[in-house]
């Protein structure tokens, strides 16, 4: 049984309406009120547990009352629940909505990854250099390691959320972070490639043009697009359902960091055709991930809205 714990600070003049809203919802359990107990902001403390399938409607009602502006709303995940009452309420009231995502939590997870401190750029540079070592040594393991280290997917999903929410600042911040981050990563891998070439440290196979890893990266094709589309869908779905293992799989499947690394390595060794192919691969993956991520967010919202509407229609339909 999935449930969230809601802690709210409510202005006294809204307490009666807030309690009435929560009391009328069968999927709200363990409702608790402690008047005048909160400071900064001052108000009444209200706590309750809400089945996740009903959380979107409950939170929308609290925000419409003004608690978000005049007080505060805090959500805590509930890991384990032992309650026959909660199980009955979920089965009777929610049906298919029992597993509906809580969109405030989904967006909070995406916003958390859409922050760009100096470590974001540091991780991109480090991932790029790891990818460069994997390309030069033809090591697929290091390419996978570079994909896991790279933080760029957080910026990509943040841009997708910005498009979905029509938030221009979020879109601009995400795209700027991606541009600056990949420019730094390419510059670092270019310098690393020049150092390796200058010292003659590249393996003989790489010198002879035997570059299976690089050839896979710098050759965008139909299959690259298919993988990017599927990764974009899985990435957003895993974020909405908090499936970290699936999200890790997305990190390993998209060819963004390896493509950025190959731009620098190929440029350092004068392989301009390969550098151009890697640039196309990089742009293809980023654009497809953003477009598919935005579309998947919109589709999921629409599907769950439809499920909620059908459930509501059946609930209010008069019986013969």
C-alpha atoms as a PDB file:
ATOM      1  CA  UNK A   1       0.000   0.000   0.000  1.00  0.00           C
ATOM      2  CA  UNK A   2       1.611   3.275  -1.142  1.00  0.00           C
ATOM      3  CA  UNK A   3       1.082   6.304   1.040  1.00  0.00           C
ATOM      4  CA  UNK A   4       2.586   9.723   1.735  1.00  0.00           C
ATOM      5  CA  UNK A   5       2.623  11.699   4.977  1.00  0.00           C
ATOM      6  CA  UNK A   6       1.520  15.313   4.656  1.00  0.00           C
ATOM      7  CA  UNK A   7       2.585  17.977   7.151  1.00  0.00           C
ATOM      8  CA  UNK A   8       0.932  21.354   6.689  1.00  0.00           C
ATOM      9  CA  UNK A   9       1.098  24.700   8.455  1.00  0.00           C
ATOM     10  CA  UNK A  10      -2.312  26.312   8.159  1.00  0.00           C
ATOM     11  CA  UNK A  11      -3.306  29.930   8.975  1.00  0.00           C
ATOM     12  CA  UNK A  12      -6.038  29.838  11.659  1.00  0.00           C
ATOM     13  CA  UNK A  13      -8.634  31.412   9.365  1.00  0.00           C
ATOM     14  CA  UNK A  14      -8.218  28.501   6.909  1.00  0.00           C
ATOM     15  CA  UNK A  15      -8.089  25.674   9.427  1.00  0.00           C
ATOM     16  CA  UNK A  16     -11.795  24.847   9.394  1.00  0.00           C
ATOM     17  CA  UNK A  17     -11.936  24.680   5.587  1.00  0.00           C
ATOM     18  CA  UNK A  18      -8.742  22.648   5.437  1.00  0.00           C
ATOM     19  CA  UNK A  19      -9.965  20.133   7.994  1.00  0.00           C
ATOM     20  CA  UNK A  20     -13.285  19.857   6.171  1.00  0.00           C
ATOM     21  CA  UNK A  21     -11.509  19.153   2.879  1.00  0.00           C
ATOM     22  CA  UNK A  22      -9.310  16.473   4.409  1.00  0.00           C
ATOM     23  CA  UNK A  23     -12.084  14.892   6.474  1.00  0.00           C
ATOM     24  CA  UNK A  24     -14.281  14.507   3.387  1.00  0.00           C
ATOM     25  CA  UNK A  25     -11.643  12.467   1.540  1.00  0.00           C
ATOM     26  CA  UNK A  26     -11.897   8.722   2.324  1.00  0.00           C
ATOM     27  CA  UNK A  27      -8.260   8.185   1.304  1.00  0.00           C
ATOM     28  CA  UNK A  28      -7.007  10.590   3.996  1.00  0.00           C
ATOM     29  CA  UNK A  29      -6.175   8.720   7.199  1.00  0.00           C
ATOM     30  CA  UNK A  30      -4.718   9.506  10.623  1.00  0.00           C
ATOM     31  CA  UNK A  31      -5.789  13.160  10.457  1.00  0.00           C
ATOM     32  CA  UNK A  32      -4.264  15.236  13.263  1.00  0.00           C
ATOM     33  CA  UNK A  33      -4.710  18.892  14.273  1.00  0.00           C
ATOM     34  CA  UNK A  34      -2.695  20.860  16.820  1.00  0.00           C
ATOM     35  CA  UNK A  35      -3.895  24.489  16.926  1.00  0.00           C
ATOM     36  CA  UNK A  36      -1.410  27.329  17.348  1.00  0.00           C
ATOM     37  CA  UNK A  37       1.635  25.092  17.687  1.00  0.00           C
ATOM     38  CA  UNK A  38       3.758  26.279  14.757  1.00  0.00           C
ATOM     39  CA  UNK A  39       6.041  29.264  14.382  1.00  0.00           C
ATOM     40  CA  UNK A  40       7.706  30.677  11.280  1.00  0.00           C
ATOM     41  CA  UNK A  41       5.223  30.631   9.671  1.00  0.00           C
ATOM     42  CA  UNK A  42       2.749  30.923  12.534  1.00  0.00           C
ATOM     43  CA  UNK A  43      -0.286  28.710  12.323  1.00  0.00           C
ATOM     44  CA  UNK A  44      -1.928  25.416  13.150  1.00  0.00           C
ATOM     45  CA  UNK A  45      -0.194  22.092  12.580  1.00  0.00           C
ATOM     46  CA  UNK A  46      -2.130  19.622  10.450  1.00  0.00           C
ATOM     47  CA  UNK A  47      -0.818  16.161   9.644  1.00  0.00           C
ATOM     48  CA  UNK A  48      -2.324  13.215   7.816  1.00  0.00           C
ATOM     49  CA  UNK A  49      -1.513  10.192   5.711  1.00  0.00           C
ATOM     50  CA  UNK A  50      -2.817  10.079   2.147  1.00  0.00           C
ATOM     51  CA  UNK A  51      -2.982   7.132  -0.227  1.00  0.00           C
ATOM     52  CA  UNK A  52      -0.828   8.100  -3.182  1.00  0.00           C
ATOM     53  CA  UNK A  53      -3.609   7.520  -5.694  1.00  0.00           C
ATOM     54  CA  UNK A  54      -5.605  10.353  -4.102  1.00  0.00           C
ATOM     55  CA  UNK A  55      -2.640  12.592  -3.292  1.00  0.00           C
ATOM     56  CA  UNK A  56      -2.820  14.709  -6.443  1.00  0.00           C
ATOM     57  CA  UNK A  57      -6.417  15.772  -5.735  1.00  0.00           C
ATOM     58  CA  UNK A  58      -5.738  16.358  -2.039  1.00  0.00           C
ATOM     59  CA  UNK A  59      -2.635  18.444  -2.678  1.00  0.00           C
ATOM     60  CA  UNK A  60      -4.422  20.424  -5.381  1.00  0.00           C
ATOM     61  CA  UNK A  61      -7.171  21.220  -2.894  1.00  0.00           C
ATOM     62  CA  UNK A  62      -4.679  22.359  -0.244  1.00  0.00           C
ATOM     63  CA  UNK A  63      -2.883  24.588  -2.742  1.00  0.00           C
ATOM     64  CA  UNK A  64      -6.182  26.051  -3.964  1.00  0.00           C
ATOM     65  CA  UNK A  65      -6.960  27.016  -0.359  1.00  0.00           C
ATOM     66  CA  UNK A  66      -3.707  28.992  -0.240  1.00  0.00           C
ATOM     67  CA  UNK A  67      -1.653  26.851   2.124  1.00  0.00           C
ATOM     68  CA  UNK A  68       1.283  26.920  -0.257  1.00  0.00           C
ATOM     69  CA  UNK A  69       1.378  30.740  -0.147  1.00  0.00           C
ATOM     70  CA  UNK A  70       0.345  31.496   3.424  1.00  0.00           C
ATOM     71  CA  UNK A  71       1.693  28.425   5.213  1.00  0.00           C
ATOM     72  CA  UNK A  72       3.612  25.408   4.008  1.00  0.00           C
ATOM     73  CA  UNK A  73       3.087  21.855   2.769  1.00  0.00           C
ATOM     74  CA  UNK A  74       5.684  19.131   3.334  1.00  0.00           C
ATOM     75  CA  UNK A  75       5.523  15.620   1.877  1.00  0.00           C
ATOM     76  CA  UNK A  76       7.267  12.619   3.401  1.00  0.00           C
ATOM     77  CA  UNK A  77       7.280   9.166   1.780  1.00  0.00           C
ATOM     78  CA  UNK A  78       5.896   6.335   3.891  1.00  0.00           C
ATOM     79  CA  UNK A  79       7.882   3.145   3.410  1.00  0.00           C
ATOM     80  CA  UNK A  80       5.703   0.636   5.258  1.00  0.00           C
ATOM     81  CA  UNK A  81       2.010   0.672   6.167  1.00  0.00           C
ATOM     82  CA  UNK A  82       0.010  -1.817   8.257  1.00  0.00           C
ATOM     83  CA  UNK A  83      -3.630  -0.796   7.994  1.00  0.00           C
ATOM     84  CA  UNK A  84      -6.663  -2.772   6.870  1.00  0.00           C
ATOM     85  CA  UNK A  85      -8.598   0.500   6.712  1.00  0.00           C
ATOM     86  CA  UNK A  86      -6.080   1.912   4.251  1.00  0.00           C
ATOM     87  CA  UNK A  87      -6.248  -1.251   2.150  1.00  0.00           C
ATOM     88  CA  UNK A  88     -10.050  -1.107   2.021  1.00  0.00           C
ATOM     89  CA  UNK A  89     -10.034   2.593   1.141  1.00  0.00           C
ATOM     90  CA  UNK A  90      -7.549   1.958  -1.657  1.00  0.00           C
ATOM     91  CA  UNK A  91      -9.563  -0.898  -3.110  1.00  0.00           C
ATOM     92  CA  UNK A  92     -12.949   0.825  -2.773  1.00  0.00           C
ATOM     93  CA  UNK A  93     -12.071   4.389  -3.730  1.00  0.00           C
ATOM     94  CA  UNK A  94      -9.078   4.298  -6.031  1.00  0.00           C
ATOM     95  CA  UNK A  95      -9.091   1.209  -8.217  1.00  0.00           C
ATOM     96  CA  UNK A  96      -6.576   1.753 -11.032  1.00  0.00           C
ATOM     97  CA  UNK A  97      -5.537   5.069  -9.483  1.00  0.00           C
ATOM     98  CA  UNK A  98      -3.940   3.230  -6.568  1.00  0.00           C
ATOM     99  CA  UNK A  99      -0.537   3.415  -8.313  1.00  0.00           C
ATOM    100  CA  UNK A 100      -0.921   6.925  -9.725  1.00  0.00           C
ATOM    101  CA  UNK A 101       2.260   9.012  -9.409  1.00  0.00           C
ATOM    102  CA  UNK A 102       2.256  12.032  -7.098  1.00  0.00           C
ATOM    103  CA  UNK A 103       3.196  14.740  -9.558  1.00  0.00           C
ATOM    104  CA  UNK A 104       4.535  17.127  -6.928  1.00  0.00           C
ATOM    105  CA  UNK A 105       7.052  14.453  -5.907  1.00  0.00           C
ATOM    106  CA  UNK A 106       7.913  13.658  -9.540  1.00  0.00           C
ATOM    107  CA  UNK A 107       8.595  17.292 -10.324  1.00  0.00           C
ATOM    108  CA  UNK A 108      10.567  17.706  -7.103  1.00  0.00           C
ATOM    109  CA  UNK A 109      12.836  14.810  -8.157  1.00  0.00           C
ATOM    110  CA  UNK A 110      13.364  16.359 -11.582  1.00  0.00           C
ATOM    111  CA  UNK A 111      13.984  19.821 -10.125  1.00  0.00           C
ATOM    112  CA  UNK A 112      16.523  18.346  -7.703  1.00  0.00           C
ATOM    113  CA  UNK A 113      18.506  16.998 -10.670  1.00  0.00           C
ATOM    114  CA  UNK A 114      18.086  20.281 -12.545  1.00  0.00           C
ATOM    115  CA  UNK A 115      20.560  22.205 -10.408  1.00  0.00           C
ATOM    116  CA  UNK A 116      23.971  23.075 -11.759  1.00  0.00           C
ATOM    117  CA  UNK A 117      26.588  23.630  -9.062  1.00  0.00           C
ATOM    118  CA  UNK A 118      30.300  23.480  -9.972  1.00  0.00           C
ATOM    119  CA  UNK A 119      30.222  19.719  -9.310  1.00  0.00           C
ATOM    120  CA  UNK A 120      27.840  19.274 -12.276  1.00  0.00           C
ATOM    121  CA  UNK A 121      30.506  20.570 -14.657  1.00  0.00           C
ATOM    122  CA  UNK A 122      33.275  18.724 -12.791  1.00  0.00           C
ATOM    123  CA  UNK A 123      31.449  15.406 -13.195  1.00  0.00           C
ATOM    124  CA  UNK A 124      30.906  16.097 -16.908  1.00  0.00           C
ATOM    125  CA  UNK A 125      34.616  16.793 -17.415  1.00  0.00           C
ATOM    126  CA  UNK A 126      35.657  13.717 -15.438  1.00  0.00           C
ATOM    127  CA  UNK A 127      33.145  11.548 -17.295  1.00  0.00           C
ATOM    128  CA  UNK A 128      34.464  12.918 -20.588  1.00  0.00           C
ATOM    129  CA  UNK A 129      38.068  12.058 -19.725  1.00  0.00           C
ATOM    130  CA  UNK A 130      37.059   8.553 -18.586  1.00  0.00           C
ATOM    131  CA  UNK A 131      35.241   8.180 -21.897  1.00  0.00           C
ATOM    132  CA  UNK A 132      38.328   9.389 -23.751  1.00  0.00           C
ATOM    133  CA  UNK A 133      40.462   6.731 -22.059  1.00  0.00           C
ATOM    134  CA  UNK A 134      37.861   4.120 -23.029  1.00  0.00           C
ATOM    135  CA  UNK A 135      37.912   5.275 -26.653  1.00  0.00           C
ATOM    136  CA  UNK A 136      41.700   5.320 -26.939  1.00  0.00           C
ATOM    137  CA  UNK A 137      42.087   1.924 -25.269  1.00  0.00           C
ATOM    138  CA  UNK A 138      38.989   0.407 -26.911  1.00  0.00           C
ATOM    139  CA  UNK A 139      37.550  -0.370 -23.464  1.00  0.00           C
ATOM    140  CA  UNK A 140      33.774  -0.723 -23.392  1.00  0.00           C
ATOM    141  CA  UNK A 141      33.850  -0.983 -19.595  1.00  0.00           C
ATOM    142  CA  UNK A 142      35.277   2.522 -19.312  1.00  0.00           C
ATOM    143  CA  UNK A 143      32.661   3.828 -21.746  1.00  0.00           C
ATOM    144  CA  UNK A 144      29.940   2.430 -19.477  1.00  0.00           C
ATOM    145  CA  UNK A 145      31.685   3.985 -16.468  1.00  0.00           C
ATOM    146  CA  UNK A 146      31.697   7.376 -18.205  1.00  0.00           C
ATOM    147  CA  UNK A 147      27.969   7.061 -18.917  1.00  0.00           C
ATOM    148  CA  UNK A 148      27.212   6.351 -15.261  1.00  0.00           C
ATOM    149  CA  UNK A 149      29.359   9.241 -13.953  1.00  0.00           C
ATOM    150  CA  UNK A 150      27.888  11.816 -16.355  1.00  0.00           C
ATOM    151  CA  UNK A 151      25.146  14.005 -14.773  1.00  0.00           C
ATOM    152  CA  UNK A 152      23.719  15.331 -18.048  1.00  0.00           C
ATOM    153  CA  UNK A 153      20.470  13.351 -17.919  1.00  0.00           C
ATOM    154  CA  UNK A 154      19.280  15.481 -14.995  1.00  0.00           C
ATOM    155  CA  UNK A 155      19.648  18.609 -17.117  1.00  0.00           C
ATOM    156  CA  UNK A 156      17.865  16.920 -20.034  1.00  0.00           C
ATOM    157  CA  UNK A 157      14.851  15.945 -17.911  1.00  0.00           C
ATOM    158  CA  UNK A 158      14.797  19.423 -16.377  1.00  0.00           C
ATOM    159  CA  UNK A 159      14.540  20.935 -19.860  1.00  0.00           C
ATOM    160  CA  UNK A 160      11.736  18.478 -20.675  1.00  0.00           C
ATOM    161  CA  UNK A 161       9.879  19.535 -17.514  1.00  0.00           C
ATOM    162  CA  UNK A 162      10.425  23.184 -18.429  1.00  0.00           C
ATOM    163  CA  UNK A 163       8.862  22.603 -21.842  1.00  0.00           C
ATOM    164  CA  UNK A 164       5.977  20.665 -20.288  1.00  0.00           C
ATOM    165  CA  UNK A 165       5.374  23.453 -17.747  1.00  0.00           C
ATOM    166  CA  UNK A 166       6.206  26.245 -20.222  1.00  0.00           C
ATOM    167  CA  UNK A 167       8.911  27.535 -17.900  1.00  0.00           C
ATOM    168  CA  UNK A 168      11.335  29.499 -20.046  1.00  0.00           C
ATOM    169  CA  UNK A 169      13.908  30.072 -17.244  1.00  0.00           C
ATOM    170  CA  UNK A 170      14.132  26.314 -16.571  1.00  0.00           C
ATOM    171  CA  UNK A 171      14.572  25.587 -20.286  1.00  0.00           C
ATOM    172  CA  UNK A 172      17.263  28.247 -20.663  1.00  0.00           C
ATOM    173  CA  UNK A 173      19.130  27.147 -17.540  1.00  0.00           C
ATOM    174  CA  UNK A 174      19.117  23.502 -18.608  1.00  0.00           C
ATOM    175  CA  UNK A 175      20.230  24.161 -22.172  1.00  0.00           C
ATOM    176  CA  UNK A 176      22.934  26.575 -20.993  1.00  0.00           C
ATOM    177  CA  UNK A 177      24.236  23.999 -18.495  1.00  0.00           C
ATOM    178  CA  UNK A 178      24.344  21.344 -21.222  1.00  0.00           C
ATOM    179  CA  UNK A 179      26.141  23.657 -23.645  1.00  0.00           C
ATOM    180  CA  UNK A 180      28.724  24.881 -21.144  1.00  0.00           C
ATOM    181  CA  UNK A 181      29.196  21.431 -19.623  1.00  0.00           C
ATOM    182  CA  UNK A 182      29.801  19.669 -22.930  1.00  0.00           C
ATOM    183  CA  UNK A 183      32.074  22.439 -24.188  1.00  0.00           C
ATOM    184  CA  UNK A 184      34.200  21.950 -21.059  1.00  0.00           C
ATOM    185  CA  UNK A 185      34.118  18.160 -21.447  1.00  0.00           C
ATOM    186  CA  UNK A 186      35.127  18.333 -25.122  1.00  0.00           C
ATOM    187  CA  UNK A 187      37.921  20.805 -24.306  1.00  0.00           C
ATOM    188  CA  UNK A 188      39.213  18.527 -21.540  1.00  0.00           C
ATOM    189  CA  UNK A 189      39.166  15.442 -23.780  1.00  0.00           C
ATOM    190  CA  UNK A 190      40.851  17.407 -26.588  1.00  0.00           C
ATOM    191  CA  UNK A 191      43.684  18.429 -24.267  1.00  0.00           C
ATOM    192  CA  UNK A 192      43.916  14.863 -22.956  1.00  0.00           C
ATOM    193  CA  UNK A 193      44.027  13.493 -26.504  1.00  0.00           C
ATOM    194  CA  UNK A 194      46.749  15.971 -27.495  1.00  0.00           C
ATOM    195  CA  UNK A 195      48.753  14.961 -24.419  1.00  0.00           C
ATOM    196  CA  UNK A 196      48.439  11.257 -25.253  1.00  0.00           C
ATOM    197  CA  UNK A 197      49.359  11.900 -28.886  1.00  0.00           C
ATOM    198  CA  UNK A 198      52.293  14.150 -27.969  1.00  0.00           C
ATOM    199  CA  UNK A 199      53.735  11.553 -25.610  1.00  0.00           C
ATOM    200  CA  UNK A 200      52.994   8.687 -28.004  1.00  0.00           C
ATOM    201  CA  UNK A 201      50.952   6.801 -25.397  1.00  0.00           C
ATOM    202  CA  UNK A 202      48.144   5.668 -27.698  1.00  0.00           C
ATOM    203  CA  UNK A 203      47.949   1.885 -28.290  1.00  0.00           C
ATOM    204  CA  UNK A 204      49.242   0.569 -31.600  1.00  0.00           C
ATOM    205  CA  UNK A 205      45.773  -0.662 -32.591  1.00  0.00           C
ATOM    206  CA  UNK A 206      44.338   2.834 -32.156  1.00  0.00           C
ATOM    207  CA  UNK A 207      47.186   4.266 -34.233  1.00  0.00           C
ATOM    208  CA  UNK A 208      46.408   1.771 -37.005  1.00  0.00           C
ATOM    209  CA  UNK A 209      42.781   2.862 -37.087  1.00  0.00           C
ATOM    210  CA  UNK A 210      41.399  -0.171 -35.259  1.00  0.00           C
ATOM    211  CA  UNK A 211      38.824   1.723 -33.192  1.00  0.00           C
ATOM    212  CA  UNK A 212      35.677  -0.382 -32.703  1.00  0.00           C
ATOM    213  CA  UNK A 213      34.466   1.632 -29.717  1.00  0.00           C
ATOM    214  CA  UNK A 214      34.995   4.947 -31.462  1.00  0.00           C
ATOM    215  CA  UNK A 215      33.363   3.708 -34.667  1.00  0.00           C
ATOM    216  CA  UNK A 216      30.263   2.690 -32.740  1.00  0.00           C
ATOM    217  CA  UNK A 217      30.004   6.133 -31.155  1.00  0.00           C
ATOM    218  CA  UNK A 218      30.659   8.341 -34.181  1.00  0.00           C
ATOM    219  CA  UNK A 219      28.245   6.593 -36.532  1.00  0.00           C
ATOM    220  CA  UNK A 220      24.718   7.847 -35.778  1.00  0.00           C
ATOM    221  CA  UNK A 221      22.031   5.798 -37.496  1.00  0.00           C
ATOM    222  CA  UNK A 222      18.501   4.474 -37.195  1.00  0.00           C
ATOM    223  CA  UNK A 223      19.415   2.258 -34.257  1.00  0.00           C
ATOM    224  CA  UNK A 224      20.900   5.204 -32.361  1.00  0.00           C
ATOM    225  CA  UNK A 225      17.578   7.010 -32.684  1.00  0.00           C
ATOM    226  CA  UNK A 226      15.622   3.940 -31.555  1.00  0.00           C
ATOM    227  CA  UNK A 227      17.768   3.546 -28.427  1.00  0.00           C
ATOM    228  CA  UNK A 228      17.468   7.259 -27.616  1.00  0.00           C
ATOM    229  CA  UNK A 229      13.667   7.151 -27.978  1.00  0.00           C
ATOM    230  CA  UNK A 230      13.314   4.096 -25.755  1.00  0.00           C
ATOM    231  CA  UNK A 231      15.777   5.494 -23.213  1.00  0.00           C
ATOM    232  CA  UNK A 232      13.803   8.729 -23.081  1.00  0.00           C
ATOM    233  CA  UNK A 233      10.568   6.874 -22.349  1.00  0.00           C
ATOM    234  CA  UNK A 234      12.125   4.606 -19.726  1.00  0.00           C
ATOM    235  CA  UNK A 235      13.912   7.530 -18.075  1.00  0.00           C
ATOM    236  CA  UNK A 236      10.752   9.553 -17.495  1.00  0.00           C
ATOM    237  CA  UNK A 237       8.681   6.533 -16.436  1.00  0.00           C
ATOM    238  CA  UNK A 238      11.393   5.488 -13.966  1.00  0.00           C
ATOM    239  CA  UNK A 239      11.416   9.012 -12.519  1.00  0.00           C
ATOM    240  CA  UNK A 240       7.646   9.083 -12.095  1.00  0.00           C
ATOM    241  CA  UNK A 241       7.698   5.680 -10.406  1.00  0.00           C
ATOM    242  CA  UNK A 242      11.000   6.241  -8.532  1.00  0.00           C
ATOM    243  CA  UNK A 243      12.632   3.173 -10.093  1.00  0.00           C
ATOM    244  CA  UNK A 244      16.313   3.931  -9.678  1.00  0.00           C
ATOM    245  CA  UNK A 245      17.506   0.669 -11.235  1.00  0.00           C
ATOM    246  CA  UNK A 246      15.687   1.454 -14.491  1.00  0.00           C
ATOM    247  CA  UNK A 247      17.039   4.999 -14.424  1.00  0.00           C
ATOM    248  CA  UNK A 248      20.580   3.649 -14.086  1.00  0.00           C
ATOM    249  CA  UNK A 249      19.929   1.605 -17.216  1.00  0.00           C
ATOM    250  CA  UNK A 250      19.083   4.805 -19.065  1.00  0.00           C
ATOM    251  CA  UNK A 251      22.411   6.326 -18.035  1.00  0.00           C
ATOM    252  CA  UNK A 252      24.188   3.332 -19.551  1.00  0.00           C
ATOM    253  CA  UNK A 253      22.192   3.319 -22.787  1.00  0.00           C
ATOM    254  CA  UNK A 254      22.462   6.897 -24.044  1.00  0.00           C
ATOM    255  CA  UNK A 255      25.504   7.985 -26.040  1.00  0.00           C
ATOM    256  CA  UNK A 256      25.916  11.568 -24.868  1.00  0.00           C
ATOM    257  CA  UNK A 257      29.114  11.531 -22.791  1.00  0.00           C
ATOM    258  CA  UNK A 258      30.909   9.057 -25.102  1.00  0.00           C
ATOM    259  CA  UNK A 259      29.995  11.202 -28.105  1.00  0.00           C
ATOM    260  CA  UNK A 260      31.318  14.336 -26.399  1.00  0.00           C
ATOM    261  CA  UNK A 261      34.531  12.508 -25.495  1.00  0.00           C
ATOM    262  CA  UNK A 262      34.974  11.241 -29.043  1.00  0.00           C
ATOM    263  CA  UNK A 263      34.671  14.762 -30.428  1.00  0.00           C
ATOM    264  CA  UNK A 264      37.721  15.784 -28.409  1.00  0.00           C
ATOM    265  CA  UNK A 265      39.723  12.590 -29.025  1.00  0.00           C
ATOM    266  CA  UNK A 266      39.029  12.519 -32.770  1.00  0.00           C
ATOM    267  CA  UNK A 267      39.920  16.209 -33.077  1.00  0.00           C
ATOM    268  CA  UNK A 268      43.178  15.647 -31.200  1.00  0.00           C
ATOM    269  CA  UNK A 269      44.174  12.910 -33.669  1.00  0.00           C
ATOM    270  CA  UNK A 270      43.002  14.828 -36.724  1.00  0.00           C
ATOM    271  CA  UNK A 271      40.071  12.505 -37.462  1.00  0.00           C
ATOM    272  CA  UNK A 272      37.666  15.249 -38.489  1.00  0.00           C
ATOM    273  CA  UNK A 273      35.087  12.978 -40.093  1.00  0.00           C
ATOM    274  CA  UNK A 274      34.782  10.967 -36.869  1.00  0.00           C
ATOM    275  CA  UNK A 275      34.568  14.172 -34.806  1.00  0.00           C
ATOM    276  CA  UNK A 276      31.702  15.390 -36.997  1.00  0.00           C
ATOM    277  CA  UNK A 277      29.896  12.052 -36.643  1.00  0.00           C
ATOM    278  CA  UNK A 278      30.234  12.197 -32.869  1.00  0.00           C
ATOM    279  CA  UNK A 279      28.849  15.743 -32.817  1.00  0.00           C
ATOM    280  CA  UNK A 280      25.815  14.551 -34.767  1.00  0.00           C
ATOM    281  CA  UNK A 281      25.447  11.610 -32.361  1.00  0.00           C
ATOM    282  CA  UNK A 282      25.567  13.963 -29.380  1.00  0.00           C
ATOM    283  CA  UNK A 283      22.980  16.347 -30.815  1.00  0.00           C
ATOM    284  CA  UNK A 284      20.744  13.463 -31.891  1.00  0.00           C
ATOM    285  CA  UNK A 285      20.688  11.959 -28.415  1.00  0.00           C
ATOM    286  CA  UNK A 286      20.082  15.237 -26.579  1.00  0.00           C
ATOM    287  CA  UNK A 287      17.301  16.401 -28.915  1.00  0.00           C
ATOM    288  CA  UNK A 288      15.549  13.019 -28.959  1.00  0.00           C
ATOM    289  CA  UNK A 289      15.770  12.632 -25.177  1.00  0.00           C
ATOM    290  CA  UNK A 290      14.289  16.105 -24.613  1.00  0.00           C
ATOM    291  CA  UNK A 291      11.487  15.651 -27.156  1.00  0.00           C
ATOM    292  CA  UNK A 292      10.593  12.130 -26.027  1.00  0.00           C
ATOM    293  CA  UNK A 293      10.867  13.090 -22.349  1.00  0.00           C
ATOM    294  CA  UNK A 294       8.462  15.993 -22.842  1.00  0.00           C
ATOM    295  CA  UNK A 295       6.040  13.818 -24.781  1.00  0.00           C
ATOM    296  CA  UNK A 296       6.175  11.052 -22.180  1.00  0.00           C
ATOM    297  CA  UNK A 297       5.443  13.499 -19.358  1.00  0.00           C
ATOM    298  CA  UNK A 298       2.440  14.886 -21.233  1.00  0.00           C
ATOM    299  CA  UNK A 299       1.151  11.418 -22.112  1.00  0.00           C
ATOM    300  CA  UNK A 300       1.454  10.154 -18.544  1.00  0.00           C
ATOM    301  CA  UNK A 301      -0.414  13.170 -17.184  1.00  0.00           C
ATOM    302  CA  UNK A 302      -3.151  12.711 -19.785  1.00  0.00           C
ATOM    303  CA  UNK A 303      -3.508   8.986 -19.076  1.00  0.00           C
ATOM    304  CA  UNK A 304      -3.790   9.432 -15.319  1.00  0.00           C
ATOM    305  CA  UNK A 305      -6.199  12.355 -15.734  1.00  0.00           C
ATOM    306  CA  UNK A 306      -8.366  10.112 -17.896  1.00  0.00           C
ATOM    307  CA  UNK A 307      -8.211   7.294 -15.338  1.00  0.00           C
ATOM    308  CA  UNK A 308      -9.211   9.724 -12.566  1.00  0.00           C
ATOM    309  CA  UNK A 309     -12.050  11.169 -14.666  1.00  0.00           C
ATOM    310  CA  UNK A 310     -13.476   7.733 -15.461  1.00  0.00           C
ATOM    311  CA  UNK A 311     -13.295   6.724 -11.801  1.00  0.00           C
ATOM    312  CA  UNK A 312     -15.058   9.955 -10.817  1.00  0.00           C
ATOM    313  CA  UNK A 313     -17.778   9.421 -13.450  1.00  0.00           C
ATOM    314  CA  UNK A 314     -18.497   5.935 -12.127  1.00  0.00           C
ATOM    315  CA  UNK A 315     -18.571   7.251  -8.542  1.00  0.00           C
ATOM    316  CA  UNK A 316     -21.148   9.993  -9.242  1.00  0.00           C
ATOM    317  CA  UNK A 317     -23.251   8.011 -11.724  1.00  0.00           C
ATOM    318  CA  UNK A 318     -26.681   7.306 -10.156  1.00  0.00           C
ATOM    319  CA  UNK A 319     -27.524   3.669  -9.648  1.00  0.00           C
ATOM    320  CA  UNK A 320     -30.727   2.273 -11.131  1.00  0.00           C
END
